PDB file of all heavy atoms in Angstrom:
ATOM      1  N   ALA A   1       0.852  -1.222   0.013  1.00  0.00           N
ATOM      2  CA  ALA A   1      -0.089   0.073  -0.024  1.00  0.00           C
ATOM      3  C   ALA A   1       0.799   1.276   0.058  1.00  0.00           C
ATOM      4  O   ALA A   1       0.612   2.247  -0.645  1.00  0.00           O
ATOM      5  CB  ALA A   1      -0.863   0.024   1.170  1.00  0.00           C
ATOM      6  N   ILE A   2       2.011   1.296   0.782  1.00  0.00           N
ATOM      7  CA  ILE A   2       2.884   2.418   0.760  1.00  0.00           C
ATOM      8  C   ILE A   2       3.472   2.534  -0.541  1.00  0.00           C
ATOM      9  O   ILE A   2       3.611   3.746  -1.004  1.00  0.00           O
ATOM     10  CB  ILE A   2       3.938   2.159   1.965  1.00  0.00           C
ATOM     11  CG1 ILE A   2       3.295   2.196   3.294  1.00  0.00           C
ATOM     12  CG2 ILE A   2       4.919   3.335   1.819  1.00  0.00           C
ATOM     13  CD1 ILE A   2       4.262   1.807   4.381  1.00  0.00           C
ATOM     14  N   THR A   3       3.866   1.479  -1.149  1.00  0.00           N
ATOM     15  CA  THR A   3       4.517   1.622  -2.483  1.00  0.00           C
ATOM     16  C   THR A   3       3.566   2.137  -3.503  1.00  0.00           C
ATOM     17  O   THR A   3       3.976   2.832  -4.359  1.00  0.00           O
ATOM     18  CB  THR A   3       5.201   0.218  -2.846  1.00  0.00           C
ATOM     19  OG1 THR A   3       6.080  -0.342  -1.987  1.00  0.00           O
ATOM     20  CG2 THR A   3       5.895   0.225  -4.237  1.00  0.00           C
ATOM     21  N   GLU A   4       2.358   1.603  -3.461  1.00  0.00           N
ATOM     22  CA  GLU A   4       1.310   2.228  -4.335  1.00  0.00           C
ATOM     23  C   GLU A   4       1.154   3.622  -4.207  1.00  0.00           C
ATOM     24  O   GLU A   4       1.164   4.460  -5.201  1.00  0.00           O
ATOM     25  CB  GLU A   4      -0.102   1.451  -4.088  1.00  0.00           C
ATOM     26  CG  GLU A   4      -0.115   0.042  -4.662  1.00  0.00           C
ATOM     27  CD  GLU A   4      -0.379   0.101  -6.194  1.00  0.00           C
ATOM     28  OE1 GLU A   4      -0.712   1.136  -6.801  1.00  0.00           O
ATOM     29  OE2 GLU A   4      -0.498  -1.073  -6.692  1.00  0.00           O
ATOM     30  N   TYR A   5       1.235   4.086  -3.055  1.00  0.00           N
ATOM     31  CA  TYR A   5       0.961   5.600  -2.802  1.00  0.00           C
ATOM     32  C   TYR A   5       2.158   6.295  -3.341  1.00  0.00           C
ATOM     33  O   TYR A   5       1.977   7.325  -4.131  1.00  0.00           O
ATOM     34  CB  TYR A   5       0.934   5.866  -1.300  1.00  0.00           C
ATOM     35  CG  TYR A   5       0.899   7.354  -0.879  1.00  0.00           C
ATOM     36  CD1 TYR A   5      -0.364   8.046  -1.021  1.00  0.00           C
ATOM     37  CD2 TYR A   5       2.029   8.191  -0.666  1.00  0.00           C
ATOM     38  CE1 TYR A   5      -0.432   9.418  -0.816  1.00  0.00           C
ATOM     39  CE2 TYR A   5       1.957   9.418  -0.498  1.00  0.00           C
ATOM     40  CZ  TYR A   5       0.680  10.150  -0.571  1.00  0.00           C
ATOM     41  OH  TYR A   5       0.662  11.426  -0.323  1.00  0.00           O
ATOM     42  N   ILE A   6       3.463   5.818  -3.087  1.00  0.00           N
ATOM     43  CA  ILE A   6       4.591   6.486  -3.518  1.00  0.00           C
ATOM     44  C   ILE A   6       4.620   6.544  -5.040  1.00  0.00           C
ATOM     45  O   ILE A   6       4.963   7.630  -5.631  1.00  0.00           O
ATOM     46  CB  ILE A   6       5.843   5.764  -2.904  1.00  0.00           C
ATOM     47  CG1 ILE A   6       6.069   5.988  -1.487  1.00  0.00           C
ATOM     48  CG2 ILE A   6       7.124   6.312  -3.655  1.00  0.00           C
ATOM     49  CD1 ILE A   6       7.038   5.031  -0.844  1.00  0.00           C
ATOM     50  N   ASP A   7       4.352   5.335  -5.668  1.00  0.00           N
ATOM     51  CA  ASP A   7       4.459   5.296  -7.107  1.00  0.00           C
ATOM     52  C   ASP A   7       3.391   6.294  -7.781  1.00  0.00           C
ATOM     53  O   ASP A   7       3.603   6.829  -8.911  1.00  0.00           O
ATOM     54  CB  ASP A   7       4.063   3.870  -7.498  1.00  0.00           C
ATOM     55  CG  ASP A   7       4.609   3.582  -8.959  1.00  0.00           C
ATOM     56  OD1 ASP A   7       5.580   4.212  -9.294  1.00  0.00           O
ATOM     57  OD2 ASP A   7       3.867   2.700  -9.488  1.00  0.00           O
ATOM     58  N   HIS A   8       2.242   6.522  -7.113  1.00  0.00           N
ATOM     59  CA  HIS A   8       1.260   7.355  -7.715  1.00  0.00           C
ATOM     60  C   HIS A   8       1.292   8.791  -7.339  1.00  0.00           C
ATOM     61  O   HIS A   8       0.736   9.687  -7.995  1.00  0.00           O
ATOM     62  CB  HIS A   8      -0.181   6.798  -7.675  1.00  0.00           C
ATOM     63  CG  HIS A   8      -0.412   5.470  -8.347  1.00  0.00           C
ATOM     64  ND1 HIS A   8      -0.157   4.293  -7.762  1.00  0.00           N
ATOM     65  CD2 HIS A   8      -0.832   5.218  -9.558  1.00  0.00           C
ATOM     66  CE1 HIS A   8      -0.395   3.249  -8.574  1.00  0.00           C
ATOM     67  NE2 HIS A   8      -0.771   3.917  -9.714  1.00  0.00           N
ATOM     68  N   ALA A   9       1.977   9.028  -6.234  1.00  0.00           N
ATOM     69  CA  ALA A   9       2.071  10.423  -5.615  1.00  0.00           C
ATOM     70  C   ALA A   9       3.187  11.227  -6.398  1.00  0.00           C
ATOM     71  O   ALA A   9       3.224  12.423  -6.259  1.00  0.00           O
ATOM     72  CB  ALA A   9       2.319  10.372  -4.165  1.00  0.00           C
ATOM     73  N   PHE A  10       4.126  10.517  -6.929  1.00  0.00           N
ATOM     74  CA  PHE A  10       5.235  11.193  -7.463  1.00  0.00           C
ATOM     75  C   PHE A  10       5.542  10.689  -8.942  1.00  0.00           C
ATOM     76  O   PHE A  10       5.162   9.568  -9.280  1.00  0.00           O
ATOM     77  CB  PHE A  10       6.496  10.821  -6.521  1.00  0.00           C
ATOM     78  CG  PHE A  10       6.437  11.232  -5.202  1.00  0.00           C
ATOM     79  CD1 PHE A  10       6.211  10.323  -4.189  1.00  0.00           C
ATOM     80  CD2 PHE A  10       6.544  12.544  -4.729  1.00  0.00           C
ATOM     81  CE1 PHE A  10       6.014  10.587  -2.797  1.00  0.00           C
ATOM     82  CE2 PHE A  10       6.405  13.000  -3.494  1.00  0.00           C
ATOM     83  CZ  PHE A  10       6.233  12.004  -2.565  1.00  0.00           C
ATOM     84  N   GLU A  11       6.061  11.690  -9.737  1.00  0.00           N
ATOM     85  CA  GLU A  11       6.323  11.384 -11.118  1.00  0.00           C
ATOM     86  C   GLU A  11       7.480  10.394 -11.197  1.00  0.00           C
ATOM     87  O   GLU A  11       8.263  10.170 -10.250  1.00  0.00           O
ATOM     88  CB  GLU A  11       6.685  12.714 -11.824  1.00  0.00           C
ATOM     89  CG  GLU A  11       5.384  13.635 -11.820  1.00  0.00           C
ATOM     90  CD  GLU A  11       5.761  14.992 -12.595  1.00  0.00           C
ATOM     91  OE1 GLU A  11       6.912  15.077 -12.921  1.00  0.00           O
ATOM     92  OE2 GLU A  11       4.831  15.762 -12.813  1.00  0.00           O
ATOM     93  N   GLY A  12       7.676   9.960 -12.379  1.00  0.00           N
ATOM     94  CA  GLY A  12       8.795   9.009 -12.662  1.00  0.00           C
ATOM     95  C   GLY A  12       8.442   7.672 -13.156  1.00  0.00           C
ATOM     96  O   GLY A  12       7.235   7.401 -13.318  1.00  0.00           O
ATOM     97  N   THR A  13       9.447   6.915 -13.428  1.00  0.00           N
ATOM     98  CA  THR A  13       9.088   5.522 -13.958  1.00  0.00           C
ATOM     99  C   THR A  13       8.141   4.828 -12.965  1.00  0.00           C
ATOM    100  O   THR A  13       8.343   4.795 -11.762  1.00  0.00           O
ATOM    101  CB  THR A  13      10.431   4.746 -14.146  1.00  0.00           C
ATOM    102  OG1 THR A  13      11.310   5.494 -15.025  1.00  0.00           O
ATOM    103  CG2 THR A  13      10.140   3.372 -14.763  1.00  0.00           C
ATOM    104  N   SER A  14       7.233   4.070 -13.566  1.00  0.00           N
ATOM    105  CA  SER A  14       6.232   3.357 -12.601  1.00  0.00           C
ATOM    106  C   SER A  14       6.864   2.095 -12.140  1.00  0.00           C
ATOM    107  O   SER A  14       7.650   1.425 -12.785  1.00  0.00           O
ATOM    108  CB  SER A  14       5.025   2.837 -13.509  1.00  0.00           C
ATOM    109  OG  SER A  14       4.126   1.996 -12.810  1.00  0.00           O
ATOM    110  N   LEU A  15       6.564   1.877 -10.817  1.00  0.00           N
ATOM    111  CA  LEU A  15       7.035   0.730 -10.177  1.00  0.00           C
ATOM    112  C   LEU A  15       5.957  -0.341 -10.005  1.00  0.00           C
ATOM    113  O   LEU A  15       6.239  -1.582  -9.649  1.00  0.00           O
ATOM    114  CB  LEU A  15       7.559   1.065  -8.773  1.00  0.00           C
ATOM    115  CG  LEU A  15       8.752   2.010  -8.631  1.00  0.00           C
ATOM    116  CD1 LEU A  15       8.914   2.346  -7.192  1.00  0.00           C
ATOM    117  CD2 LEU A  15      10.013   1.397  -9.306  1.00  0.00           C
ATOM    118  N   THR A  16       4.767  -0.017 -10.281  1.00  0.00           N
ATOM    119  CA  THR A  16       3.591  -0.959 -10.082  1.00  0.00           C
ATOM    120  C   THR A  16       3.007  -1.304 -11.403  1.00  0.00           C
ATOM    121  O   THR A  16       1.840  -2.033 -11.326  1.00  0.00           O
ATOM    122  CB  THR A  16       2.593  -0.243  -9.051  1.00  0.00           C
ATOM    123  OG1 THR A  16       2.077   0.981  -9.645  1.00  0.00           O
ATOM    124  CG2 THR A  16       3.180   0.052  -7.811  1.00  0.00           C
ATOM    125  N   GLY A  17       3.478  -0.850 -12.479  1.00  0.00           N
ATOM    126  CA  GLY A  17       2.923  -1.140 -13.759  1.00  0.00           C
ATOM    127  C   GLY A  17       2.098  -0.321 -14.476  1.00  0.00           C
ATOM    128  O   GLY A  17       1.422   0.557 -13.760  1.00  0.00           O
ATOM    129  N   VAL A  18       2.084  -0.281 -15.736  1.00  0.00           N
ATOM    130  CA  VAL A  18       1.208   0.587 -16.606  1.00  0.00           C
ATOM    131  C   VAL A  18       0.240  -0.207 -17.352  1.00  0.00           C
ATOM    132  O   VAL A  18       0.646  -1.175 -18.101  1.00  0.00           O
ATOM    133  CB  VAL A  18       2.110   1.478 -17.529  1.00  0.00           C
ATOM    134  CG1 VAL A  18       1.140   2.431 -18.413  1.00  0.00           C
ATOM    135  CG2 VAL A  18       3.021   2.350 -16.709  1.00  0.00           C
ATOM    136  N   GLY A  19      -1.068   0.092 -17.343  1.00  0.00           N
ATOM    137  CA  GLY A  19      -2.048  -0.692 -17.999  1.00  0.00           C
ATOM    138  C   GLY A  19      -2.498  -1.859 -17.244  1.00  0.00           C
ATOM    139  O   GLY A  19      -1.720  -2.381 -16.319  1.00  0.00           O
ATOM    140  N   PRO A  20      -3.593  -2.563 -17.458  1.00  0.00           N
ATOM    141  CA  PRO A  20      -4.128  -3.651 -16.573  1.00  0.00           C
ATOM    142  C   PRO A  20      -3.385  -4.787 -16.579  1.00  0.00           C
ATOM    143  O   PRO A  20      -3.168  -5.418 -15.575  1.00  0.00           O
ATOM    144  CB  PRO A  20      -5.560  -3.830 -17.238  1.00  0.00           C
ATOM    145  CG  PRO A  20      -5.570  -3.168 -18.503  1.00  0.00           C
ATOM    146  CD  PRO A  20      -4.658  -2.049 -18.449  1.00  0.00           C
ATOM    147  N   GLN A  21      -2.788  -5.205 -17.759  1.00  0.00           N
ATOM    148  CA  GLN A  21      -2.147  -6.525 -17.767  1.00  0.00           C
ATOM    149  C   GLN A  21      -0.734  -6.407 -17.075  1.00  0.00           C
ATOM    150  O   GLN A  21      -0.400  -7.236 -16.169  1.00  0.00           O
ATOM    151  CB  GLN A  21      -1.788  -6.938 -19.240  1.00  0.00           C
ATOM    152  CG  GLN A  21      -0.959  -8.146 -19.399  1.00  0.00           C
ATOM    153  CD  GLN A  21      -0.733  -8.613 -20.839  1.00  0.00           C
ATOM    154  OE1 GLN A  21      -1.780  -8.717 -21.549  1.00  0.00           O
ATOM    155  NE2 GLN A  21       0.514  -8.897 -21.213  1.00  0.00           N
ATOM    156  N   GLU A  22      -0.009  -5.203 -17.337  1.00  0.00           N
ATOM    157  CA  GLU A  22       1.253  -5.088 -16.678  1.00  0.00           C
ATOM    158  C   GLU A  22       1.125  -4.906 -15.129  1.00  0.00           C
ATOM    159  O   GLU A  22       1.814  -5.467 -14.430  1.00  0.00           O
ATOM    160  CB  GLU A  22       1.997  -3.843 -17.228  1.00  0.00           C
ATOM    161  CG  GLU A  22       3.444  -3.665 -16.841  1.00  0.00           C
ATOM    162  CD  GLU A  22       4.040  -2.508 -17.550  1.00  0.00           C
ATOM    163  OE1 GLU A  22       4.311  -2.564 -18.784  1.00  0.00           O
ATOM    164  OE2 GLU A  22       4.294  -1.503 -16.866  1.00  0.00           O
ATOM    165  N   ARG A  23       0.115  -4.135 -14.733  1.00  0.00           N
ATOM    166  CA  ARG A  23      -0.186  -4.077 -13.329  1.00  0.00           C
ATOM    167  C   ARG A  23      -0.451  -5.359 -12.634  1.00  0.00           C
ATOM    168  O   ARG A  23      -0.004  -5.656 -11.570  1.00  0.00           O
ATOM    169  CB  ARG A  23      -1.269  -3.095 -13.097  1.00  0.00           C
ATOM    170  CG  ARG A  23      -0.905  -1.575 -13.306  1.00  0.00           C
ATOM    171  CD  ARG A  23      -1.975  -0.592 -13.009  1.00  0.00           C
ATOM    172  NE  ARG A  23      -2.549  -0.788 -11.663  1.00  0.00           N
ATOM    173  CZ  ARG A  23      -2.005  -0.193 -10.659  1.00  0.00           C
ATOM    174  NH1 ARG A  23      -1.000   0.477 -10.680  1.00  0.00           N
ATOM    175  NH2 ARG A  23      -2.543  -0.365  -9.422  1.00  0.00           N
ATOM    176  N   ALA A  24      -1.255  -6.133 -13.384  1.00  0.00           N
ATOM    177  CA  ALA A  24      -1.640  -7.431 -12.777  1.00  0.00           C
ATOM    178  C   ALA A  24      -0.327  -8.460 -12.643  1.00  0.00           C
ATOM    179  O   ALA A  24      -0.306  -8.911 -11.597  1.00  0.00           O
ATOM    180  CB  ALA A  24      -2.699  -8.125 -13.653  1.00  0.00           C
ATOM    181  N   VAL A  25       0.481  -8.307 -13.714  1.00  0.00           N
ATOM    182  CA  VAL A  25       1.651  -9.270 -13.572  1.00  0.00           C
ATOM    183  C   VAL A  25       2.623  -8.739 -12.490  1.00  0.00           C
ATOM    184  O   VAL A  25       3.052  -9.562 -11.722  1.00  0.00           O
ATOM    185  CB  VAL A  25       2.267  -9.326 -15.053  1.00  0.00           C
ATOM    186  CG1 VAL A  25       3.666 -10.050 -14.828  1.00  0.00           C
ATOM    187  CG2 VAL A  25       1.439  -9.973 -15.984  1.00  0.00           C
ATOM    188  N   VAL A  26       2.727  -7.405 -12.441  1.00  0.00           N
ATOM    189  CA  VAL A  26       3.651  -6.900 -11.356  1.00  0.00           C
ATOM    190  C   VAL A  26       3.080  -7.322 -10.075  1.00  0.00           C
ATOM    191  O   VAL A  26       3.873  -7.808  -9.097  1.00  0.00           O
ATOM    192  CB  VAL A  26       3.835  -5.430 -11.522  1.00  0.00           C
ATOM    193  CG1 VAL A  26       4.506  -4.857 -10.259  1.00  0.00           C
ATOM    194  CG2 VAL A  26       4.606  -4.955 -12.695  1.00  0.00           C
ATOM    195  N   HIS A  27       1.832  -7.124  -9.692  1.00  0.00           N
ATOM    196  CA  HIS A  27       1.290  -7.454  -8.391  1.00  0.00           C
ATOM    197  C   HIS A  27       1.326  -8.981  -8.198  1.00  0.00           C
ATOM    198  O   HIS A  27       1.628  -9.351  -7.008  1.00  0.00           O
ATOM    199  CB  HIS A  27      -0.107  -6.883  -8.285  1.00  0.00           C
ATOM    200  CG  HIS A  27      -0.187  -5.487  -7.908  1.00  0.00           C
ATOM    201  ND1 HIS A  27      -0.379  -5.049  -6.679  1.00  0.00           N
ATOM    202  CD2 HIS A  27      -0.092  -4.339  -8.708  1.00  0.00           C
ATOM    203  CE1 HIS A  27      -0.343  -3.709  -6.699  1.00  0.00           C
ATOM    204  NE2 HIS A  27      -0.269  -3.244  -7.786  1.00  0.00           N
ATOM    205  N   MET A  28       1.144  -9.758  -9.211  1.00  0.00           N
ATOM    206  CA  MET A  28       1.245 -11.192  -9.028  1.00  0.00           C
ATOM    207  C   MET A  28       2.503 -11.613  -8.642  1.00  0.00           C
ATOM    208  O   MET A  28       2.863 -12.393  -7.617  1.00  0.00           O
ATOM    209  CB  MET A  28       0.864 -11.889 -10.302  1.00  0.00           C
ATOM    210  CG  MET A  28       0.975 -13.425 -10.214  1.00  0.00           C
ATOM    211  SD  MET A  28       0.495 -14.194 -11.906  1.00  0.00           S
ATOM    212  CE  MET A  28       1.911 -13.749 -12.977  1.00  0.00           C
ATOM    213  N   MET A  29       3.609 -11.119  -9.358  1.00  0.00           N
ATOM    214  CA  MET A  29       5.022 -11.603  -9.156  1.00  0.00           C
ATOM    215  C   MET A  29       5.514 -11.020  -7.739  1.00  0.00           C
ATOM    216  O   MET A  29       6.285 -11.657  -7.093  1.00  0.00           O
ATOM    217  CB  MET A  29       5.924 -11.148 -10.254  1.00  0.00           C
ATOM    218  CG  MET A  29       5.519 -11.910 -11.614  1.00  0.00           C
ATOM    219  SD  MET A  29       5.541 -13.746 -11.379  1.00  0.00           S
ATOM    220  CE  MET A  29       7.256 -13.972 -11.173  1.00  0.00           C
ATOM    221  N   GLN A  30       5.127  -9.710  -7.548  1.00  0.00           N
ATOM    222  CA  GLN A  30       5.525  -9.169  -6.228  1.00  0.00           C
ATOM    223  C   GLN A  30       4.944  -9.930  -4.986  1.00  0.00           C
ATOM    224  O   GLN A  30       5.646 -10.188  -3.991  1.00  0.00           O
ATOM    225  CB  GLN A  30       5.318  -7.714  -6.022  1.00  0.00           C
ATOM    226  CG  GLN A  30       4.129  -7.174  -5.394  1.00  0.00           C
ATOM    227  CD  GLN A  30       4.269  -7.184  -3.882  1.00  0.00           C
ATOM    228  OE1 GLN A  30       5.371  -7.028  -3.438  1.00  0.00           O
ATOM    229  NE2 GLN A  30       3.202  -7.356  -3.143  1.00  0.00           N
ATOM    230  N   ARG A  31       3.746 -10.479  -5.186  1.00  0.00           N
ATOM    231  CA  ARG A  31       3.100 -11.340  -4.206  1.00  0.00           C
ATOM    232  C   ARG A  31       3.828 -12.538  -3.939  1.00  0.00           C
ATOM    233  O   ARG A  31       4.110 -13.073  -2.924  1.00  0.00           O
ATOM    234  CB  ARG A  31       1.601 -11.460  -4.321  1.00  0.00           C
ATOM    235  CG  ARG A  31       0.831 -12.217  -3.384  1.00  0.00           C
ATOM    236  CD  ARG A  31       0.949 -11.645  -1.969  1.00  0.00           C
ATOM    237  NE  ARG A  31       0.481 -12.457  -0.980  1.00  0.00           N
ATOM    238  CZ  ARG A  31       0.900 -12.590   0.414  1.00  0.00           C
ATOM    239  NH1 ARG A  31       1.938 -11.838   0.730  1.00  0.00           N
ATOM    240  NH2 ARG A  31       0.292 -13.347   1.133  1.00  0.00           N
ATOM    241  N   ARG A  32       4.121 -13.154  -5.111  1.00  0.00           N
ATOM    242  CA  ARG A  32       4.887 -14.419  -4.967  1.00  0.00           C
ATOM    243  C   ARG A  32       6.382 -14.162  -4.369  1.00  0.00           C
ATOM    244  O   ARG A  32       6.817 -14.971  -3.608  1.00  0.00           O
ATOM    245  CB  ARG A  32       5.232 -14.949  -6.459  1.00  0.00           C
ATOM    246  CG  ARG A  32       3.912 -15.533  -7.109  1.00  0.00           C
ATOM    247  CD  ARG A  32       4.284 -16.026  -8.461  1.00  0.00           C
ATOM    248  NE  ARG A  32       2.887 -16.491  -9.125  1.00  0.00           N
ATOM    249  CZ  ARG A  32       2.775 -16.932 -10.346  1.00  0.00           C
ATOM    250  NH1 ARG A  32       3.924 -17.081 -11.112  1.00  0.00           N
ATOM    251  NH2 ARG A  32       1.555 -17.352 -10.772  1.00  0.00           N
ATOM    252  N   GLY A  33       6.792 -12.912  -4.606  1.00  0.00           N
ATOM    253  CA  GLY A  33       8.076 -12.588  -3.947  1.00  0.00           C
ATOM    254  C   GLY A  33       7.918 -12.545  -2.353  1.00  0.00           C
ATOM    255  O   GLY A  33       8.820 -13.041  -1.546  1.00  0.00           O
ATOM    256  N   GLU A  34       6.805 -12.021  -2.023  1.00  0.00           N
ATOM    257  CA  GLU A  34       6.486 -11.981  -0.601  1.00  0.00           C
ATOM    258  C   GLU A  34       6.392 -13.274  -0.040  1.00  0.00           C
ATOM    259  O   GLU A  34       6.940 -13.722   1.034  1.00  0.00           O
ATOM    260  CB  GLU A  34       5.214 -11.119  -0.315  1.00  0.00           C
ATOM    261  CG  GLU A  34       5.297  -9.739  -0.481  1.00  0.00           C
ATOM    262  CD  GLU A  34       4.000  -8.972  -0.181  1.00  0.00           C
ATOM    263  OE1 GLU A  34       2.954  -9.561  -0.488  1.00  0.00           O
ATOM    264  OE2 GLU A  34       4.129  -7.741   0.233  1.00  0.00           O
ATOM    265  N   GLN A  35       5.522 -14.231  -0.622  1.00  0.00           N
ATOM    266  CA  GLN A  35       5.216 -15.519  -0.119  1.00  0.00           C
ATOM    267  C   GLN A  35       6.444 -16.559  -0.089  1.00  0.00           C
ATOM    268  O   GLN A  35       6.662 -17.149   0.803  1.00  0.00           O
ATOM    269  CB  GLN A  35       4.090 -16.158  -0.949  1.00  0.00           C
ATOM    270  CG  GLN A  35       2.705 -15.534  -0.852  1.00  0.00           C
ATOM    271  CD  GLN A  35       1.696 -16.072  -1.822  1.00  0.00           C
ATOM    272  OE1 GLN A  35       2.061 -16.321  -2.945  1.00  0.00           O
ATOM    273  NE2 GLN A  35       0.518 -16.221  -1.292  1.00  0.00           N
ATOM    274  N   LYS A  36       7.182 -16.449  -1.310  1.00  0.00           N
ATOM    275  CA  LYS A  36       8.150 -17.375  -1.392  1.00  0.00           C
ATOM    276  C   LYS A  36       9.653 -16.989  -0.854  1.00  0.00           C
ATOM    277  O   LYS A  36      10.467 -17.845  -0.618  1.00  0.00           O
ATOM    278  CB  LYS A  36       8.408 -17.688  -2.943  1.00  0.00           C
ATOM    279  CG  LYS A  36       7.227 -18.372  -3.556  1.00  0.00           C
ATOM    280  CD  LYS A  36       7.407 -18.527  -5.096  1.00  0.00           C
ATOM    281  CE  LYS A  36       6.246 -19.184  -5.728  1.00  0.00           C
ATOM    282  NZ  LYS A  36       6.008 -20.567  -5.380  1.00  0.00           N
ATOM    283  N   ILE A  37       9.763 -15.600  -0.593  1.00  0.00           N
ATOM    284  CA  ILE A  37      11.097 -15.120  -0.187  1.00  0.00           C
ATOM    285  C   ILE A  37      10.827 -14.335   1.183  1.00  0.00           C
ATOM    286  O   ILE A  37      11.239 -14.834   2.318  1.00  0.00           O
ATOM    287  CB  ILE A  37      11.787 -14.333  -1.172  1.00  0.00           C
ATOM    288  CG1 ILE A  37      11.955 -15.133  -2.441  1.00  0.00           C
ATOM    289  CG2 ILE A  37      13.081 -13.824  -0.573  1.00  0.00           C
ATOM    290  CD1 ILE A  37      13.030 -16.247  -2.276  1.00  0.00           C
ATOM    291  N   VAL A  38      10.193 -13.216   1.150  1.00  0.00           N
ATOM    292  CA  VAL A  38      10.194 -12.257   2.296  1.00  0.00           C
ATOM    293  C   VAL A  38       9.421 -12.947   3.481  1.00  0.00           C
ATOM    294  O   VAL A  38       9.962 -13.098   4.656  1.00  0.00           O
ATOM    295  CB  VAL A  38       9.552 -10.979   1.841  1.00  0.00           C
ATOM    296  CG1 VAL A  38       9.246 -10.041   3.152  1.00  0.00           C
ATOM    297  CG2 VAL A  38      10.395 -10.240   0.920  1.00  0.00           C
ATOM    298  N   ASP A  39       8.233 -13.597   3.231  1.00  0.00           N
ATOM    299  CA  ASP A  39       7.504 -14.105   4.308  1.00  0.00           C
ATOM    300  C   ASP A  39       8.087 -15.389   4.837  1.00  0.00           C
ATOM    301  O   ASP A  39       8.056 -15.711   6.003  1.00  0.00           O
ATOM    302  CB  ASP A  39       6.007 -14.356   3.834  1.00  0.00           C
ATOM    303  CG  ASP A  39       5.154 -13.075   3.677  1.00  0.00           C
ATOM    304  OD1 ASP A  39       5.720 -11.942   4.014  1.00  0.00           O
ATOM    305  OD2 ASP A  39       4.139 -13.127   3.035  1.00  0.00           O
ATOM    306  N   ALA A  40       8.624 -16.205   3.851  1.00  0.00           N
ATOM    307  CA  ALA A  40       9.195 -17.472   4.179  1.00  0.00           C
ATOM    308  C   ALA A  40      10.489 -17.273   5.002  1.00  0.00           C
ATOM    309  O   ALA A  40      10.628 -17.964   6.088  1.00  0.00           O
ATOM    310  CB  ALA A  40       9.571 -18.232   2.988  1.00  0.00           C
ATOM    311  N   ILE A  41      11.380 -16.421   4.518  1.00  0.00           N
ATOM    312  CA  ILE A  41      12.465 -16.230   5.391  1.00  0.00           C
ATOM    313  C   ILE A  41      12.281 -15.492   6.692  1.00  0.00           C
ATOM    314  O   ILE A  41      12.929 -15.736   7.754  1.00  0.00           O
ATOM    315  CB  ILE A  41      13.664 -15.438   4.648  1.00  0.00           C
ATOM    316  CG1 ILE A  41      15.011 -15.669   5.282  1.00  0.00           C
ATOM    317  CG2 ILE A  41      13.330 -14.046   4.449  1.00  0.00           C
ATOM    318  CD1 ILE A  41      15.617 -17.058   5.336  1.00  0.00           C
ATOM    319  N   GLY A  42      11.210 -14.694   6.850  1.00  0.00           N
ATOM    320  CA  GLY A  42      10.717 -14.140   8.005  1.00  0.00           C
ATOM    321  C   GLY A  42      10.307 -15.106   9.028  1.00  0.00           C
ATOM    322  O   GLY A  42      10.635 -15.098  10.186  1.00  0.00           O
TER     323      GLY A  42
END
């Protein structure tokens, strides 16, 4: 949620994806990153 705010509050290259497909893939893969790496090692 914080990253979404930062990405949309400030100009620059998008970190959360542009367009519905790109945004969906970014969110899918970042969630896998949480589940498979961040949450697991935590």
